[in-house]
Amino acid sequence: MVMSQDSLEIHTNPKSFLDITSNVQDFVTKSNIQNGVCHLFIKHTSASLVIQENYDPSVRQDFETIFSNLVPEDFPYVHNMEGKDDMPAHIRSALTSTSETVPVMNGKLSLGTWQGIYLWEHRDQQHNRKIMISIVGE
């Protein structure tokens, strides 16, 4: 069993989905691990990692629309130290995921045809987000 760990720093745009699949695949390739699992963990409480459709961008637009209605920014939240988008970003992160695990087969991420790995920024400002990557296998 072999393990490779590293971190990935991603600069985000406000309230955006950023496809990081190729960034993660680069780490898998550099690890030389052919078969195993790739685990991703974002070290933030106001952004998420999601595996979602990578073909039609309207899917991601619909996600943003639904979450804007599900977790409105104009609700009277108690926690608002960093602005009106602060608590909604934490709730969005809790409702989605801060980690993802993807199988690695023959040195490649084993995603479905229309799947991509996305960093979903929930804040109204751009941020530098850190993602830990652990690849375990043979």
C-alpha atoms as a PDB file:
ATOM      1  CA  MET A   1       0.000   0.000   0.000  1.00  0.00           C
ATOM      2  CA  VAL A   2       1.291   3.445  -0.966  1.00  0.00           C
ATOM      3  CA  MET A   3       0.019   6.853   0.110  1.00  0.00           C
ATOM      4  CA  SER A   4       0.581  10.261  -1.437  1.00  0.00           C
ATOM      5  CA  GLN A   5      -0.641  13.519   0.105  1.00  0.00           C
ATOM      6  CA  ASP A   6      -0.529  17.092  -1.043  1.00  0.00           C
ATOM      7  CA  SER A   7      -2.606  20.244  -1.040  1.00  0.00           C
ATOM      8  CA  LEU A   8      -4.165  22.234  -3.819  1.00  0.00           C
ATOM      9  CA  GLU A   9      -4.776  25.966  -3.521  1.00  0.00           C
ATOM     10  CA  ILE A  10      -7.562  27.314  -5.705  1.00  0.00           C
ATOM     11  CA  HIS A  11      -8.452  30.976  -6.247  1.00  0.00           C
ATOM     12  CA  THR A  12     -12.240  31.272  -6.541  1.00  0.00           C
ATOM     13  CA  ASN A  13     -14.626  33.807  -7.977  1.00  0.00           C
ATOM     14  CA  PRO A  14     -17.620  34.940  -5.904  1.00  0.00           C
ATOM     15  CA  LYS A  15     -20.483  32.408  -5.728  1.00  0.00           C
ATOM     16  CA  SER A  16     -19.104  30.127  -8.401  1.00  0.00           C
ATOM     17  CA  PHE A  17     -18.518  26.523  -9.368  1.00  0.00           C
ATOM     18  CA  LEU A  18     -14.948  25.792 -10.385  1.00  0.00           C
ATOM     19  CA  ASP A  19     -14.162  22.508 -12.152  1.00  0.00           C
ATOM     20  CA  ILE A  20     -11.051  21.149 -10.431  1.00  0.00           C
ATOM     21  CA  THR A  21     -11.127  17.686 -12.039  1.00  0.00           C
ATOM     22  CA  SER A  22      -7.988  18.234 -14.123  1.00  0.00           C
ATOM     23  CA  ASN A  23      -6.119  19.669 -11.111  1.00  0.00           C
ATOM     24  CA  VAL A  24      -6.959  16.552  -9.093  1.00  0.00           C
ATOM     25  CA  GLN A  25      -6.079  14.246 -12.001  1.00  0.00           C
ATOM     26  CA  ASP A  26      -2.659  15.937 -12.179  1.00  0.00           C
ATOM     27  CA  PHE A  27      -2.029  14.922  -8.555  1.00  0.00           C
ATOM     28  CA  VAL A  28      -3.170  11.359  -9.265  1.00  0.00           C
ATOM     29  CA  THR A  29      -0.795  11.169 -12.234  1.00  0.00           C
ATOM     30  CA  LYS A  30       2.152  12.536 -10.212  1.00  0.00           C
ATOM     31  CA  SER A  31       1.478  10.036  -7.411  1.00  0.00           C
ATOM     32  CA  ASN A  32       2.111   7.090  -9.776  1.00  0.00           C
ATOM     33  CA  ILE A  33      -0.671   5.212  -7.960  1.00  0.00           C
ATOM     34  CA  GLN A  34      -2.494   3.071 -10.492  1.00  0.00           C
ATOM     35  CA  ASN A  35      -5.359   1.645  -8.436  1.00  0.00           C
ATOM     36  CA  GLY A  36      -6.815   2.953  -5.199  1.00  0.00           C
ATOM     37  CA  VAL A  37      -8.813   5.912  -3.936  1.00  0.00           C
ATOM     38  CA  CYS A  38      -8.412   9.671  -4.052  1.00  0.00           C
ATOM     39  CA  HIS A  39      -9.842  11.533  -1.080  1.00  0.00           C
ATOM     40  CA  LEU A  40     -10.393  15.308  -1.169  1.00  0.00           C
ATOM     41  CA  PHE A  41     -11.064  17.544   1.833  1.00  0.00           C
ATOM     42  CA  ILE A  42     -11.643  21.305   1.708  1.00  0.00           C
ATOM     43  CA  LYS A  43     -10.307  23.157   4.745  1.00  0.00           C
ATOM     44  CA  HIS A  44     -13.088  25.755   4.869  1.00  0.00           C
ATOM     45  CA  THR A  45     -16.613  26.103   6.267  1.00  0.00           C
ATOM     46  CA  SER A  46     -18.069  28.371   3.598  1.00  0.00           C
ATOM     47  CA  ALA A  47     -17.248  26.436   0.423  1.00  0.00           C
ATOM     48  CA  SER A  48     -17.997  22.877  -0.722  1.00  0.00           C
ATOM     49  CA  LEU A  49     -16.736  20.038  -2.845  1.00  0.00           C
ATOM     50  CA  VAL A  50     -19.328  18.384  -5.083  1.00  0.00           C
ATOM     51  CA  ILE A  51     -19.316  15.838  -7.861  1.00  0.00           C
ATOM     52  CA  GLN A  52     -21.780  17.016 -10.441  1.00  0.00           C
ATOM     53  CA  GLU A  53     -22.599  17.097 -14.151  1.00  0.00           C
ATOM     54  CA  ASN A  54     -19.794  18.598 -16.218  1.00  0.00           C
ATOM     55  CA  TYR A  55     -21.586  18.876 -19.570  1.00  0.00           C
ATOM     56  CA  ASP A  56     -24.440  21.365 -19.209  1.00  0.00           C
ATOM     57  CA  PRO A  57     -23.613  24.490 -17.155  1.00  0.00           C
ATOM     58  CA  SER A  58     -27.323  25.155 -16.585  1.00  0.00           C
ATOM     59  CA  VAL A  59     -27.210  22.363 -13.962  1.00  0.00           C
ATOM     60  CA  ARG A  60     -24.838  24.447 -11.851  1.00  0.00           C
ATOM     61  CA  GLN A  61     -26.920  27.567 -12.487  1.00  0.00           C
ATOM     62  CA  ASP A  62     -30.011  25.714 -11.220  1.00  0.00           C
ATOM     63  CA  PHE A  63     -28.103  24.600  -8.112  1.00  0.00           C
ATOM     64  CA  GLU A  64     -27.233  28.212  -7.326  1.00  0.00           C
ATOM     65  CA  THR A  65     -30.855  29.308  -7.883  1.00  0.00           C
ATOM     66  CA  ILE A  66     -32.277  26.558  -5.654  1.00  0.00           C
ATOM     67  CA  PHE A  67     -29.752  27.190  -2.873  1.00  0.00           C
ATOM     68  CA  SER A  68     -30.389  30.956  -3.037  1.00  0.00           C
ATOM     69  CA  ASN A  69     -34.047  30.231  -2.300  1.00  0.00           C
ATOM     70  CA  LEU A  70     -33.387  27.424   0.182  1.00  0.00           C
ATOM     71  CA  VAL A  71     -30.822  29.439   2.190  1.00  0.00           C
ATOM     72  CA  PRO A  72     -31.683  33.124   1.688  1.00  0.00           C
ATOM     73  CA  GLU A  73     -29.229  35.831   2.649  1.00  0.00           C
ATOM     74  CA  ASP A  74     -31.950  38.156   3.973  1.00  0.00           C
ATOM     75  CA  PHE A  75     -32.960  35.803   6.804  1.00  0.00           C
ATOM     76  CA  PRO A  76     -32.329  37.315  10.292  1.00  0.00           C
ATOM     77  CA  TYR A  77     -29.302  35.132  11.148  1.00  0.00           C
ATOM     78  CA  VAL A  78     -27.541  35.752  14.459  1.00  0.00           C
ATOM     79  CA  HIS A  79     -24.093  34.951  13.039  1.00  0.00           C
ATOM     80  CA  ASN A  80     -23.145  37.646  10.526  1.00  0.00           C
ATOM     81  CA  MET A  81     -19.615  38.625  11.570  1.00  0.00           C
ATOM     82  CA  GLU A  82     -18.374  38.716   7.981  1.00  0.00           C
ATOM     83  CA  GLY A  83     -21.486  40.023   6.247  1.00  0.00           C
ATOM     84  CA  LYS A  84     -24.904  38.917   5.081  1.00  0.00           C
ATOM     85  CA  ASP A  85     -23.479  35.966   3.109  1.00  0.00           C
ATOM     86  CA  ASP A  86     -21.565  34.569   6.122  1.00  0.00           C
ATOM     87  CA  MET A  87     -24.119  32.265   7.778  1.00  0.00           C
ATOM     88  CA  PRO A  88     -25.810  31.241   4.504  1.00  0.00           C
ATOM     89  CA  ALA A  89     -22.384  30.084   3.231  1.00  0.00           C
ATOM     90  CA  HIS A  90     -21.926  27.930   6.354  1.00  0.00           C
ATOM     91  CA  ILE A  91     -25.385  26.381   5.910  1.00  0.00           C
ATOM     92  CA  ARG A  92     -24.753  25.672   2.221  1.00  0.00           C
ATOM     93  CA  SER A  93     -21.476  23.968   3.125  1.00  0.00           C
ATOM     94  CA  ALA A  94     -23.228  21.836   5.761  1.00  0.00           C
ATOM     95  CA  LEU A  95     -25.946  20.818   3.280  1.00  0.00           C
ATOM     96  CA  THR A  96     -23.448  19.756   0.636  1.00  0.00           C
ATOM     97  CA  SER A  97     -20.038  18.279   1.387  1.00  0.00           C
ATOM     98  CA  THR A  98     -16.561  19.198   2.560  1.00  0.00           C
ATOM     99  CA  SER A  99     -15.049  15.962   1.228  1.00  0.00           C
ATOM    100  CA  GLU A 100     -15.315  13.577  -1.698  1.00  0.00           C
ATOM    101  CA  THR A 101     -13.738  10.208  -2.477  1.00  0.00           C
ATOM    102  CA  VAL A 102     -13.194   8.968  -6.033  1.00  0.00           C
ATOM    103  CA  PRO A 103     -11.842   5.567  -7.118  1.00  0.00           C
ATOM    104  CA  VAL A 104      -8.592   5.529  -9.090  1.00  0.00           C
ATOM    105  CA  MET A 105      -8.283   2.892 -11.812  1.00  0.00           C
ATOM    106  CA  ASN A 106      -5.305   2.550 -14.148  1.00  0.00           C
ATOM    107  CA  GLY A 107      -3.921   5.878 -12.960  1.00  0.00           C
ATOM    108  CA  LYS A 108      -7.120   7.815 -13.737  1.00  0.00           C
ATOM    109  CA  LEU A 109      -9.969   9.177 -11.662  1.00  0.00           C
ATOM    110  CA  SER A 110     -12.856   6.780 -12.220  1.00  0.00           C
ATOM    111  CA  LEU A 111     -15.629   9.331 -12.728  1.00  0.00           C
ATOM    112  CA  GLY A 112     -18.742   8.806 -14.795  1.00  0.00           C
ATOM    113  CA  THR A 113     -18.975  10.193 -18.321  1.00  0.00           C
ATOM    114  CA  TRP A 114     -20.721  13.403 -17.269  1.00  0.00           C
ATOM    115  CA  GLN A 115     -19.174  13.846 -13.809  1.00  0.00           C
ATOM    116  CA  GLY A 116     -16.731  16.514 -12.703  1.00  0.00           C
ATOM    117  CA  ILE A 117     -15.285  17.535  -9.342  1.00  0.00           C
ATOM    118  CA  TYR A 118     -16.240  21.081  -8.383  1.00  0.00           C
ATOM    119  CA  LEU A 119     -15.230  23.538  -5.723  1.00  0.00           C
ATOM    120  CA  TRP A 120     -18.414  25.477  -4.964  1.00  0.00           C
ATOM    121  CA  GLU A 121     -17.697  28.916  -3.545  1.00  0.00           C
ATOM    122  CA  HIS A 122     -20.608  30.110  -1.382  1.00  0.00           C
ATOM    123  CA  ARG A 123     -19.321  33.578  -0.473  1.00  0.00           C
ATOM    124  CA  ASP A 124     -19.866  36.917  -2.246  1.00  0.00           C
ATOM    125  CA  GLN A 125     -16.109  37.509  -2.409  1.00  0.00           C
ATOM    126  CA  GLN A 126     -13.260  35.669  -4.087  1.00  0.00           C
ATOM    127  CA  HIS A 127     -11.128  33.479  -1.831  1.00  0.00           C
ATOM    128  CA  ASN A 128      -8.060  31.271  -1.852  1.00  0.00           C
ATOM    129  CA  ARG A 129      -9.315  27.818  -0.872  1.00  0.00           C
ATOM    130  CA  LYS A 130      -7.116  24.958   0.268  1.00  0.00           C
ATOM    131  CA  ILE A 131      -7.982  21.353  -0.582  1.00  0.00           C
ATOM    132  CA  MET A 132      -6.102  18.426   0.906  1.00  0.00           C
ATOM    133  CA  ILE A 133      -5.624  15.462  -1.429  1.00  0.00           C
ATOM    134  CA  SER A 134      -4.811  11.966  -0.185  1.00  0.00           C
ATOM    135  CA  ILE A 135      -4.281   9.146  -2.664  1.00  0.00           C
ATOM    136  CA  VAL A 136      -3.992   5.620  -1.315  1.00  0.00           C
ATOM    137  CA  GLY A 137      -3.438   2.515  -3.382  1.00  0.00           C
ATOM    138  CA  GLU A 138      -0.920   0.469  -5.282  1.00  0.00           C
END
